[in-house]
Amino acid sequence: MQYFLILVVLAVLSLSAFAVADGSSSEHKDAVFGGGCFWCMEPPFEQLAGVIDVKAGYSGGDEKEPTYEEVSSGKTSHIESVRVVYDPSTISYDQLLDTFWRYVDPTDPGGQFADRGEHYKTAIFYSSEEERVIAERSKAILDASAIFERPIVTAILPAKPFYPAEEYHQDYYKKNVFHYEAYKVGSGRAGFLESTWKDRPQKKKYFKPAEDELQQILTPVQYEVTQKDGTERPFGNEYWDNKKEGIYVDVVSGEPLFSSKDKFDSGTGWPSFTRVLVKEHVTEKKDSKFLMVRTEVRSKYGDSHLGHLFDDGPEPTGLRYCINSASLNFVSVDELKEKGYGEFLPLFSP
């Protein structure tokens, strides 16, 4: 029996060691991006705080266990990709996307720089609906930024199995420094990235996507409320009785609007707040519909219809922001850093 227990312990330790060596953990997440030559896509991600591991490989196709010769010759439906294992408590998926955009030409439909063919096209592989929405919004913001003269053509696709490339391709930029640097310059990638991003300010963080993007991002109720100034039914909406700690952001732009610290039960069946979290993110306008005069509140960057402002709220402000759940997304305290709202964590400190 003692010998059996020793074997069990050794097996568990071996599995744990394997998980660490493989760069995986239940607390970590994977993100897969196709950016042309995978030699050039490893370094940008490996330098980021919160990134645990980056592997060069192949994804997007149906063939199992593809080889470099098969993919590079166009004999498979795979594209060269990188798998990024990261800690979401340190770096967000949105931040990974920002890095991805800055190291590719997202307007090229036929490959990347000197590398031509379907297997060198750019792609973002999402593994959840949340990632798809974040990626679509990120793409829409970049497209609207006018950084590129041509439209963004990078595909946003459901994730398929990722197959690591042969070992000699892993960390190629470290193993073959001179060849890698010569390739990066000779392919045209280095010059393109330099001319495109040098001295260019970061993109605006909050932005309203184009109409066709909104149709994909929003549910019918969210679209009716935010874009058509609609009102959802009381008591049956998502956040009217939500008592969790966190912040509420615009469902369209992601801009922070309200805090659970200022939420109260108004008895109306809609989420109600005594104040705005970030005052400059909310605008007010006169609303004379339905034979009454009210104050409508809208988000600044998303231009979403949120609800109305009344002066019958509790202390300390005496105000009641009566808001539609459909115009909001809730970000809990334990998700703030992961989703890029870490600056609001001090609000919830003991």
Protein backbone atom coordinates (compact mmCIF):
# COMPACT_ATOMS: atom_id res chain seq x y z
CA MET A 1 0.00 0.00 0.00
CA GLN A 2 2.82 2.39 0.90
CA TYR A 3 4.51 1.70 -2.42
CA PHE A 4 1.20 2.38 -4.24
CA LEU A 5 0.82 5.75 -2.46
CA ILE A 6 4.34 6.75 -3.45
CA LEU A 7 3.53 6.00 -7.09
CA VAL A 8 0.36 8.11 -6.90
CA VAL A 9 2.25 11.06 -5.42
CA LEU A 10 4.94 10.83 -8.09
CA ALA A 11 2.28 10.73 -10.82
CA VAL A 12 0.59 13.85 -9.46
CA LEU A 13 3.89 15.70 -9.23
CA SER A 14 4.73 14.69 -12.80
CA LEU A 15 1.41 16.02 -14.08
CA SER A 16 1.93 19.29 -12.19
CA ALA A 17 5.39 19.67 -13.65
CA PHE A 18 4.02 19.00 -17.12
CA ALA A 19 1.37 21.70 -16.72
CA VAL A 20 4.00 24.25 -15.67
CA ALA A 21 6.35 23.27 -18.48
CA ASP A 22 3.52 23.52 -21.00
CA GLY A 23 2.78 27.07 -19.81
CA SER A 24 -0.83 26.22 -18.95
CA SER A 25 -2.81 26.80 -15.76
CA SER A 26 -6.43 27.02 -14.75
CA GLU A 27 -5.68 30.67 -13.92
CA HIS A 28 -4.19 31.39 -17.33
CA LYS A 29 -5.87 31.96 -20.68
CA ASP A 30 -4.84 31.35 -24.29
CA ALA A 31 -5.11 33.73 -27.22
CA VAL A 32 -4.24 32.75 -30.78
CA PHE A 33 -3.30 35.23 -33.51
CA GLY A 34 -2.25 34.83 -37.13
CA GLY A 35 0.15 37.58 -38.15
CA GLY A 36 2.13 36.23 -41.07
CA CYS A 37 5.60 34.88 -40.31
CA PHE A 38 5.43 33.49 -36.77
CA TRP A 39 9.11 34.28 -36.19
CA CYS A 40 8.15 37.95 -36.11
CA MET A 41 5.06 37.53 -33.93
CA GLU A 42 6.70 35.86 -30.93
CA PRO A 43 8.90 38.78 -29.72
CA PRO A 44 6.14 41.44 -29.39
CA PHE A 45 4.10 39.25 -27.04
CA GLU A 46 6.98 37.73 -25.09
CA GLN A 47 8.07 41.18 -23.91
CA LEU A 48 4.70 41.92 -22.28
CA ALA A 49 4.20 41.70 -18.52
CA GLY A 50 1.61 39.05 -17.77
CA VAL A 51 2.44 36.86 -20.78
CA ILE A 52 3.49 33.41 -19.59
CA ASP A 53 4.42 31.67 -22.82
CA VAL A 54 4.32 32.18 -26.59
CA LYS A 55 4.43 29.33 -29.10
CA ALA A 56 4.80 29.49 -32.86
CA GLY A 57 2.51 27.15 -34.73
CA TYR A 58 -0.40 26.57 -37.06
CA SER A 59 -4.14 27.08 -36.64
CA GLY A 60 -7.35 27.83 -38.50
CA GLY A 61 -7.33 24.70 -40.62
CA ASP A 62 -8.89 21.24 -40.52
CA GLU A 63 -5.82 19.07 -41.08
CA LYS A 64 -4.35 17.39 -38.00
CA GLU A 65 -0.69 17.72 -37.02
CA PRO A 66 0.40 19.83 -40.01
CA THR A 67 4.08 20.31 -40.78
CA TYR A 68 5.92 23.47 -41.79
CA GLU A 69 6.48 22.08 -45.28
CA GLU A 70 2.76 21.42 -45.73
CA VAL A 71 1.62 24.80 -44.40
CA SER A 72 4.29 26.92 -46.09
CA SER A 73 3.55 25.29 -49.46
CA GLY A 74 -0.17 26.04 -49.14
CA LYS A 75 -1.15 22.37 -48.97
CA THR A 76 -3.28 22.87 -45.85
CA SER A 77 -5.96 25.33 -44.73
CA HIS A 78 -3.87 26.41 -41.74
CA ILE A 79 -2.12 29.75 -41.30
CA GLU A 80 1.06 30.52 -39.39
CA SER A 81 0.00 31.59 -35.90
CA VAL A 82 1.17 32.18 -32.35
CA ARG A 83 -0.50 30.99 -29.16
CA VAL A 84 -0.15 33.43 -26.27
CA VAL A 85 -0.63 32.07 -22.75
CA TYR A 86 -1.29 34.97 -20.39
CA ASP A 87 -2.39 35.89 -16.89
CA PRO A 88 -5.64 37.88 -17.21
CA SER A 89 -5.10 39.42 -13.76
CA THR A 90 -2.03 41.20 -15.15
CA ILE A 91 -2.81 41.83 -18.82
CA SER A 92 -6.16 41.97 -20.60
CA TYR A 93 -7.25 40.44 -23.90
CA ASP A 94 -7.82 43.96 -25.20
CA GLN A 95 -4.17 44.82 -24.48
CA LEU A 96 -3.03 41.74 -26.39
CA LEU A 97 -5.12 42.93 -29.34
CA ASP A 98 -3.45 46.35 -29.21
CA THR A 99 -0.07 44.64 -29.49
CA PHE A 100 -1.26 42.41 -32.34
CA TRP A 101 -2.46 45.36 -34.46
CA ARG A 102 0.84 47.18 -34.07
CA TYR A 103 2.92 44.34 -35.52
CA VAL A 104 0.97 43.45 -38.67
CA ASP A 105 -0.43 45.04 -41.79
CA PRO A 106 -4.14 44.35 -41.19
CA THR A 107 -5.10 45.73 -44.60
CA ASP A 108 -3.27 43.09 -46.64
CA PRO A 109 -5.64 40.41 -48.00
CA GLY A 110 -2.95 38.33 -49.68
CA GLY A 111 -0.40 37.66 -46.97
CA GLN A 112 2.08 39.74 -44.99
CA PHE A 113 4.82 41.82 -46.59
CA ALA A 114 7.14 39.61 -48.68
CA ASP A 115 5.31 36.45 -47.61
CA ARG A 116 2.39 35.83 -49.95
CA GLY A 117 -0.39 33.30 -49.80
CA GLU A 118 -3.43 32.33 -47.73
CA HIS A 119 -1.23 30.73 -45.07
CA TYR A 120 0.28 34.14 -44.24
CA LYS A 121 -2.98 36.05 -43.83
CA THR A 122 -3.85 37.79 -40.56
CA ALA A 123 -6.53 36.45 -38.23
CA ILE A 124 -7.77 36.65 -34.66
CA PHE A 125 -9.13 33.38 -33.26
CA TYR A 126 -11.68 33.87 -30.48
CA SER A 127 -12.60 31.16 -27.98
CA SER A 128 -15.65 32.84 -26.41
CA GLU A 129 -18.42 35.26 -27.29
CA GLU A 130 -16.81 37.83 -25.01
CA GLU A 131 -13.54 37.62 -26.95
CA ARG A 132 -15.41 37.95 -30.24
CA VAL A 133 -17.13 41.13 -29.09
CA ILE A 134 -13.87 42.61 -27.77
CA ALA A 135 -12.07 41.73 -31.02
CA GLU A 136 -14.85 43.14 -33.22
CA ARG A 137 -14.88 46.38 -31.24
CA SER A 138 -11.08 46.64 -31.34
CA LYS A 139 -11.11 46.13 -35.11
CA ALA A 140 -13.86 48.72 -35.58
CA ILE A 141 -11.95 51.30 -33.54
CA LEU A 142 -8.78 50.73 -35.57
CA ASP A 143 -10.69 50.92 -38.84
CA ALA A 144 -12.26 54.23 -37.82
CA SER A 145 -8.94 55.69 -36.65
CA ALA A 146 -7.80 56.41 -40.25
CA ILE A 147 -4.32 55.09 -39.43
CA PHE A 148 -4.50 52.98 -42.57
CA GLU A 149 -5.68 54.20 -45.97
CA ARG A 150 -7.15 50.80 -46.84
CA PRO A 151 -9.87 48.95 -44.87
CA ILE A 152 -8.98 46.41 -42.20
CA VAL A 153 -9.38 42.89 -43.60
CA THR A 154 -8.10 40.80 -40.67
CA ALA A 155 -10.52 37.93 -40.12
CA ILE A 156 -12.08 37.30 -36.69
CA LEU A 157 -12.76 33.58 -36.52
CA PRO A 158 -13.84 30.92 -34.01
CA ALA A 159 -10.86 29.11 -32.56
CA LYS A 160 -9.72 25.81 -33.97
CA PRO A 161 -7.02 23.47 -32.62
CA PHE A 162 -3.55 25.01 -32.40
CA TYR A 163 -0.59 22.86 -33.42
CA PRO A 164 2.88 23.94 -32.21
CA ALA A 165 5.46 24.27 -34.95
CA GLU A 166 8.68 22.30 -35.08
CA GLU A 167 11.16 23.08 -32.30
CA TYR A 168 13.63 24.89 -34.57
CA HIS A 169 10.96 27.52 -35.24
CA GLN A 170 10.38 28.27 -31.55
CA ASP A 171 12.11 31.50 -30.40
CA TYR A 172 13.80 31.72 -33.78
CA TYR A 173 14.65 35.37 -33.13
CA LYS A 174 16.87 34.26 -30.23
CA LYS A 175 18.44 31.22 -31.88
CA ASN A 176 19.26 32.90 -35.22
CA VAL A 177 19.60 36.58 -34.40
CA PHE A 178 21.34 37.78 -37.55
CA HIS A 179 19.13 35.84 -39.95
CA TYR A 180 15.99 36.96 -38.13
CA GLU A 181 16.95 40.65 -38.15
CA ALA A 182 17.90 40.49 -41.83
CA TYR A 183 14.60 38.81 -42.65
CA LYS A 184 12.54 41.31 -40.67
CA VAL A 185 14.12 44.22 -42.54
CA GLY A 186 14.31 42.53 -45.94
CA SER A 187 10.69 41.40 -45.89
CA GLY A 188 9.52 44.99 -45.47
CA ARG A 189 7.88 44.40 -42.10
CA ALA A 190 10.31 46.51 -40.04
CA GLY A 191 10.04 49.53 -42.34
CA PHE A 192 6.26 49.35 -42.54
CA LEU A 193 5.83 49.20 -38.76
CA GLU A 194 8.27 52.04 -38.23
CA SER A 195 6.59 54.36 -40.71
CA THR A 196 3.09 53.49 -39.55
CA TRP A 197 3.47 53.78 -35.78
CA LYS A 198 6.41 56.11 -35.14
CA ASP A 199 5.33 59.04 -32.93
CA ARG A 200 1.70 58.06 -33.35
CA PRO A 201 -0.45 58.50 -30.23
CA GLN A 202 -2.42 55.59 -28.82
CA LYS A 203 -5.90 55.11 -30.23
CA LYS A 204 -8.88 56.57 -28.39
CA LYS A 205 -9.85 54.09 -25.73
CA TYR A 206 -13.62 54.45 -26.12
CA PHE A 207 -15.33 54.60 -29.49
CA LYS A 208 -18.66 53.93 -31.17
CA PRO A 209 -18.30 51.16 -33.79
CA ALA A 210 -19.76 51.49 -37.28
CA GLU A 211 -23.40 50.58 -37.85
CA ASP A 212 -22.69 47.12 -39.31
CA GLU A 213 -20.46 46.34 -36.32
CA LEU A 214 -23.20 47.41 -33.91
CA GLN A 215 -25.57 44.94 -35.55
CA GLN A 216 -23.13 42.15 -34.64
CA ILE A 217 -22.18 43.35 -31.16
CA LEU A 218 -25.61 44.25 -29.74
CA THR A 219 -28.64 42.10 -29.01
CA PRO A 220 -31.98 43.32 -30.45
CA VAL A 221 -32.97 44.80 -27.06
CA GLN A 222 -29.62 46.52 -26.60
CA TYR A 223 -29.85 47.97 -30.11
CA GLU A 224 -33.43 49.21 -29.58
CA VAL A 225 -32.54 50.90 -26.29
CA THR A 226 -29.16 52.43 -27.16
CA GLN A 227 -29.73 53.32 -30.81
CA LYS A 228 -33.50 53.93 -30.97
CA ASP A 229 -33.95 55.57 -27.53
CA GLY A 230 -36.07 52.67 -26.36
CA THR A 231 -36.99 51.63 -22.82
CA GLU A 232 -36.84 48.08 -21.54
CA ARG A 233 -39.43 46.51 -19.25
CA PRO A 234 -39.01 47.20 -15.51
CA PHE A 235 -38.06 44.44 -13.05
CA GLY A 236 -37.41 41.93 -15.82
CA ASN A 237 -34.10 43.45 -16.93
CA GLU A 238 -30.63 42.19 -16.08
CA TYR A 239 -29.29 44.61 -13.47
CA TRP A 240 -32.25 46.17 -11.67
CA ASP A 241 -31.60 44.04 -8.57
CA ASN A 242 -27.89 43.33 -9.06
CA LYS A 243 -26.15 43.76 -5.70
CA LYS A 244 -22.62 42.74 -6.66
CA GLU A 245 -19.72 45.18 -6.35
CA GLY A 246 -18.25 46.60 -9.53
CA ILE A 247 -18.80 49.19 -12.22
CA TYR A 248 -21.26 49.60 -15.08
CA VAL A 249 -19.90 50.49 -18.51
CA ASP A 250 -21.49 51.50 -21.81
CA VAL A 251 -22.44 48.38 -23.77
CA VAL A 252 -21.45 50.14 -27.00
CA SER A 253 -18.14 51.89 -26.22
CA GLY A 254 -17.06 50.33 -22.94
CA GLU A 255 -16.63 53.70 -21.24
CA PRO A 256 -17.15 53.54 -17.44
CA LEU A 257 -20.41 55.18 -16.34
CA PHE A 258 -21.62 54.14 -12.87
CA SER A 259 -20.44 52.37 -9.73
CA SER A 260 -22.22 49.86 -7.51
CA LYS A 261 -21.22 52.14 -4.62
CA ASP A 262 -23.78 54.66 -5.90
CA LYS A 263 -26.52 52.17 -6.85
CA PHE A 264 -29.76 52.05 -4.86
CA ASP A 265 -33.19 50.42 -5.00
CA SER A 266 -35.52 53.10 -6.34
CA GLY A 267 -38.52 50.78 -6.49
CA THR A 268 -38.91 51.50 -10.22
CA GLY A 269 -37.51 48.20 -11.54
CA TRP A 270 -34.58 49.83 -13.34
CA PRO A 271 -30.96 50.25 -12.15
CA SER A 272 -30.74 53.58 -10.33
CA PHE A 273 -27.68 55.57 -9.26
CA THR A 274 -27.14 58.73 -7.24
CA ARG A 275 -24.18 59.91 -9.30
CA VAL A 276 -22.03 59.25 -12.35
CA LEU A 277 -18.71 57.44 -11.98
CA VAL A 278 -16.90 59.52 -14.63
CA LYS A 279 -18.81 62.75 -15.13
CA GLU A 280 -17.37 63.58 -18.56
CA HIS A 281 -18.60 60.24 -19.91
CA VAL A 282 -22.27 61.19 -19.55
CA THR A 283 -24.09 63.97 -21.43
CA GLU A 284 -27.53 65.42 -20.73
CA LYS A 285 -30.17 66.70 -23.14
CA LYS A 286 -33.77 67.87 -22.99
CA ASP A 287 -36.34 65.18 -23.83
CA SER A 288 -39.86 66.42 -24.69
CA LYS A 289 -41.35 63.14 -25.88
CA PHE A 290 -44.59 61.69 -24.48
CA LEU A 291 -46.02 65.11 -23.52
CA MET A 292 -43.52 65.61 -20.71
CA VAL A 293 -40.16 67.32 -20.25
CA ARG A 294 -37.37 65.12 -18.91
CA THR A 295 -33.58 65.07 -18.89
CA GLU A 296 -32.17 62.30 -21.04
CA VAL A 297 -28.69 60.94 -20.26
CA ARG A 298 -26.40 59.52 -22.95
CA SER A 299 -22.86 58.19 -23.04
CA LYS A 300 -20.33 60.58 -24.54
CA TYR A 301 -18.23 58.35 -26.80
CA GLY A 302 -20.76 55.61 -27.50
CA ASP A 303 -23.63 58.11 -27.89
CA SER A 304 -25.88 55.48 -26.34
CA HIS A 305 -29.27 56.31 -24.91
CA LEU A 306 -28.90 55.33 -21.24
CA GLY A 307 -32.04 56.56 -19.51
CA HIS A 308 -33.17 59.70 -17.66
CA LEU A 309 -32.11 61.89 -14.74
CA PHE A 310 -34.54 62.89 -11.98
CA ASP A 311 -34.17 65.02 -8.84
CA ASP A 312 -36.00 62.66 -6.49
CA GLY A 313 -33.04 60.53 -5.41
CA PRO A 314 -31.62 59.94 -1.92
CA GLU A 315 -28.75 61.72 -0.21
CA PRO A 316 -26.02 62.71 -0.69
CA THR A 317 -26.89 64.03 -4.17
CA GLY A 318 -30.68 63.97 -4.28
CA LEU A 319 -30.39 62.67 -7.85
CA ARG A 320 -31.70 59.52 -9.51
CA TYR A 321 -30.09 58.30 -12.71
CA CYS A 322 -32.71 55.82 -13.95
CA ILE A 323 -30.82 53.63 -16.45
CA ASN A 324 -31.73 50.78 -18.80
CA SER A 325 -29.84 47.55 -18.10
CA ALA A 326 -29.65 46.99 -21.87
CA SER A 327 -27.35 50.00 -22.21
CA LEU A 328 -24.88 48.60 -19.68
CA ASN A 329 -22.33 45.88 -19.13
CA PHE A 330 -21.39 45.01 -15.57
CA VAL A 331 -17.73 44.50 -14.62
CA SER A 332 -17.30 42.93 -11.18
CA VAL A 333 -14.50 43.96 -8.83
CA ASP A 334 -12.47 40.82 -9.51
CA GLU A 335 -12.65 41.49 -13.28
CA LEU A 336 -11.65 45.16 -13.24
CA LYS A 337 -7.94 44.68 -13.82
CA GLU A 338 -8.42 41.90 -16.37
CA LYS A 339 -10.82 43.98 -18.45
CA GLY A 340 -8.77 47.18 -18.39
CA TYR A 341 -10.52 49.08 -15.58
CA GLY A 342 -7.88 48.60 -12.90
CA GLU A 343 -7.83 52.30 -12.03
CA PHE A 344 -11.19 51.85 -10.27
CA LEU A 345 -9.98 49.14 -7.86
CA PRO A 346 -9.22 51.67 -5.08
CA LEU A 347 -12.94 52.48 -4.93
CA PHE A 348 -13.57 49.03 -3.49
CA SER A 349 -10.63 48.79 -1.10
CA PRO A 350 -11.53 48.09 2.56
